[in-house]
């Protein structure tokens, strides 16, 4: 498991969500935003498959209508566990 911590933003935008481009390799299994604006995501990686995924987090201003935009991207490469025998 990997813990991703995003510090509070300096602009008026706030973290809204995180997701993975390939949940079969990296799954966002937990998401929360603290009162101070710090966001936390738990990432679970596959152990039986190797591949890559983009984990993205979006942010938007709370008083502005419209969809949140991608504000952070993490590229994750997953390496398969070695198998015996």
C-alpha atoms as a PDB file:
ATOM      1  CA  UNK A   1       0.000   0.000   0.000  1.00  0.00           C
ATOM      2  CA  UNK A   2       1.151   3.528  -0.782  1.00  0.00           C
ATOM      3  CA  UNK A   3      -0.026   6.627   1.066  1.00  0.00           C
ATOM      4  CA  UNK A   4      -0.331   9.750  -1.053  1.00  0.00           C
ATOM      5  CA  UNK A   5      -0.536  13.048   0.865  1.00  0.00           C
ATOM      6  CA  UNK A   6      -1.354  16.263  -0.982  1.00  0.00           C
ATOM      7  CA  UNK A   7      -0.671  19.474   0.909  1.00  0.00           C
ATOM      8  CA  UNK A   8      -3.284  22.241   1.015  1.00  0.00           C
ATOM      9  CA  UNK A   9      -3.299  24.378  -2.118  1.00  0.00           C
ATOM     10  CA  UNK A  10      -2.226  28.009  -1.949  1.00  0.00           C
ATOM     11  CA  UNK A  11      -4.901  29.173  -4.393  1.00  0.00           C
ATOM     12  CA  UNK A  12      -8.625  29.085  -3.605  1.00  0.00           C
ATOM     13  CA  UNK A  13      -9.010  25.574  -5.064  1.00  0.00           C
ATOM     14  CA  UNK A  14      -9.512  22.470  -2.923  1.00  0.00           C
ATOM     15  CA  UNK A  15      -8.760  18.827  -3.609  1.00  0.00           C
ATOM     16  CA  UNK A  16     -11.939  17.019  -4.681  1.00  0.00           C
ATOM     17  CA  UNK A  17     -11.107  13.444  -5.750  1.00  0.00           C
ATOM     18  CA  UNK A  18      -8.425  11.002  -6.872  1.00  0.00           C
ATOM     19  CA  UNK A  19      -8.653   8.160  -9.356  1.00  0.00           C
ATOM     20  CA  UNK A  20      -6.496   5.701 -11.283  1.00  0.00           C
ATOM     21  CA  UNK A  21      -6.306   5.253 -15.045  1.00  0.00           C
ATOM     22  CA  UNK A  22      -5.816   1.491 -14.565  1.00  0.00           C
ATOM     23  CA  UNK A  23      -7.453   0.191 -11.361  1.00  0.00           C
ATOM     24  CA  UNK A  24      -6.273  -3.340 -12.188  1.00  0.00           C
ATOM     25  CA  UNK A  25      -2.702  -2.168 -11.464  1.00  0.00           C
ATOM     26  CA  UNK A  26      -3.211   0.689  -8.969  1.00  0.00           C
ATOM     27  CA  UNK A  27      -6.462   1.105  -7.053  1.00  0.00           C
ATOM     28  CA  UNK A  28      -7.357   4.241  -5.077  1.00  0.00           C
ATOM     29  CA  UNK A  29      -8.914   2.550  -2.042  1.00  0.00           C
ATOM     30  CA  UNK A  30      -9.295   5.498   0.280  1.00  0.00           C
ATOM     31  CA  UNK A  31      -9.758   9.266  -0.031  1.00  0.00           C
ATOM     32  CA  UNK A  32     -10.264  11.974   2.551  1.00  0.00           C
ATOM     33  CA  UNK A  33      -9.684  15.701   2.876  1.00  0.00           C
ATOM     34  CA  UNK A  34      -8.840  17.120   6.309  1.00  0.00           C
ATOM     35  CA  UNK A  35     -10.279  20.386   7.620  1.00  0.00           C
ATOM     36  CA  UNK A  36      -6.996  22.171   6.835  1.00  0.00           C
ATOM     37  CA  UNK A  37      -7.194  21.127   3.153  1.00  0.00           C
ATOM     38  CA  UNK A  38      -4.678  18.278   3.222  1.00  0.00           C
ATOM     39  CA  UNK A  39      -5.832  15.347   1.073  1.00  0.00           C
ATOM     40  CA  UNK A  40      -4.975  11.700   1.748  1.00  0.00           C
ATOM     41  CA  UNK A  41      -5.299   8.788  -0.669  1.00  0.00           C
ATOM     42  CA  UNK A  42      -4.484   5.124  -0.141  1.00  0.00           C
ATOM     43  CA  UNK A  43      -3.166   3.362  -3.225  1.00  0.00           C
ATOM     44  CA  UNK A  44      -3.108  -0.413  -3.522  1.00  0.00           C
ATOM     45  CA  UNK A  45      -0.869  -1.981  -6.165  1.00  0.00           C
ATOM     46  CA  UNK A  46      -1.347  -5.335  -7.862  1.00  0.00           C
ATOM     47  CA  UNK A  47       1.175  -7.989  -6.951  1.00  0.00           C
ATOM     48  CA  UNK A  48       0.478 -10.545  -9.657  1.00  0.00           C
ATOM     49  CA  UNK A  49       0.501  -8.236 -12.671  1.00  0.00           C
ATOM     50  CA  UNK A  50       2.929  -5.685 -13.951  1.00  0.00           C
ATOM     51  CA  UNK A  51       1.951  -2.486 -15.699  1.00  0.00           C
ATOM     52  CA  UNK A  52       1.585   1.232 -15.273  1.00  0.00           C
ATOM     53  CA  UNK A  53      -1.122   3.673 -14.261  1.00  0.00           C
ATOM     54  CA  UNK A  54      -1.632   7.399 -13.867  1.00  0.00           C
ATOM     55  CA  UNK A  55      -3.074   8.454 -10.517  1.00  0.00           C
ATOM     56  CA  UNK A  56      -4.678  11.867 -10.847  1.00  0.00           C
ATOM     57  CA  UNK A  57      -6.184  14.245  -8.318  1.00  0.00           C
ATOM     58  CA  UNK A  58      -8.575  17.028  -9.193  1.00  0.00           C
ATOM     59  CA  UNK A  59      -9.198  20.382  -7.562  1.00  0.00           C
ATOM     60  CA  UNK A  60     -11.683  23.216  -7.900  1.00  0.00           C
ATOM     61  CA  UNK A  61     -12.816  26.339  -6.139  1.00  0.00           C
ATOM     62  CA  UNK A  62     -15.748  25.515  -3.842  1.00  0.00           C
ATOM     63  CA  UNK A  63     -17.867  28.502  -4.884  1.00  0.00           C
ATOM     64  CA  UNK A  64     -17.441  28.110  -8.681  1.00  0.00           C
ATOM     65  CA  UNK A  65     -19.771  25.956 -10.757  1.00  0.00           C
ATOM     66  CA  UNK A  66     -18.366  23.427 -13.182  1.00  0.00           C
ATOM     67  CA  UNK A  67     -16.244  20.342 -13.158  1.00  0.00           C
ATOM     68  CA  UNK A  68     -13.033  20.010 -11.209  1.00  0.00           C
ATOM     69  CA  UNK A  69      -9.801  19.951 -13.229  1.00  0.00           C
ATOM     70  CA  UNK A  70      -6.795  17.678 -12.928  1.00  0.00           C
ATOM     71  CA  UNK A  71      -4.235  19.392 -10.704  1.00  0.00           C
ATOM     72  CA  UNK A  72      -1.840  16.533  -9.889  1.00  0.00           C
ATOM     73  CA  UNK A  73      -0.660  13.411 -11.740  1.00  0.00           C
ATOM     74  CA  UNK A  74       1.483  10.587 -10.383  1.00  0.00           C
ATOM     75  CA  UNK A  75       2.872   7.970 -12.780  1.00  0.00           C
ATOM     76  CA  UNK A  76       3.143   4.569 -11.099  1.00  0.00           C
ATOM     77  CA  UNK A  77       4.948   1.535 -12.533  1.00  0.00           C
ATOM     78  CA  UNK A  78       4.029  -1.785 -10.941  1.00  0.00           C
ATOM     79  CA  UNK A  79       6.506  -4.661 -11.083  1.00  0.00           C
ATOM     80  CA  UNK A  80       5.263  -8.200 -10.710  1.00  0.00           C
ATOM     81  CA  UNK A  81       6.317 -10.221  -7.664  1.00  0.00           C
ATOM     82  CA  UNK A  82       8.850 -12.916  -8.544  1.00  0.00           C
ATOM     83  CA  UNK A  83       7.363 -16.409  -8.509  1.00  0.00           C
ATOM     84  CA  UNK A  84       9.139 -19.508  -7.263  1.00  0.00           C
ATOM     85  CA  UNK A  85       9.303 -22.766  -9.153  1.00  0.00           C
END
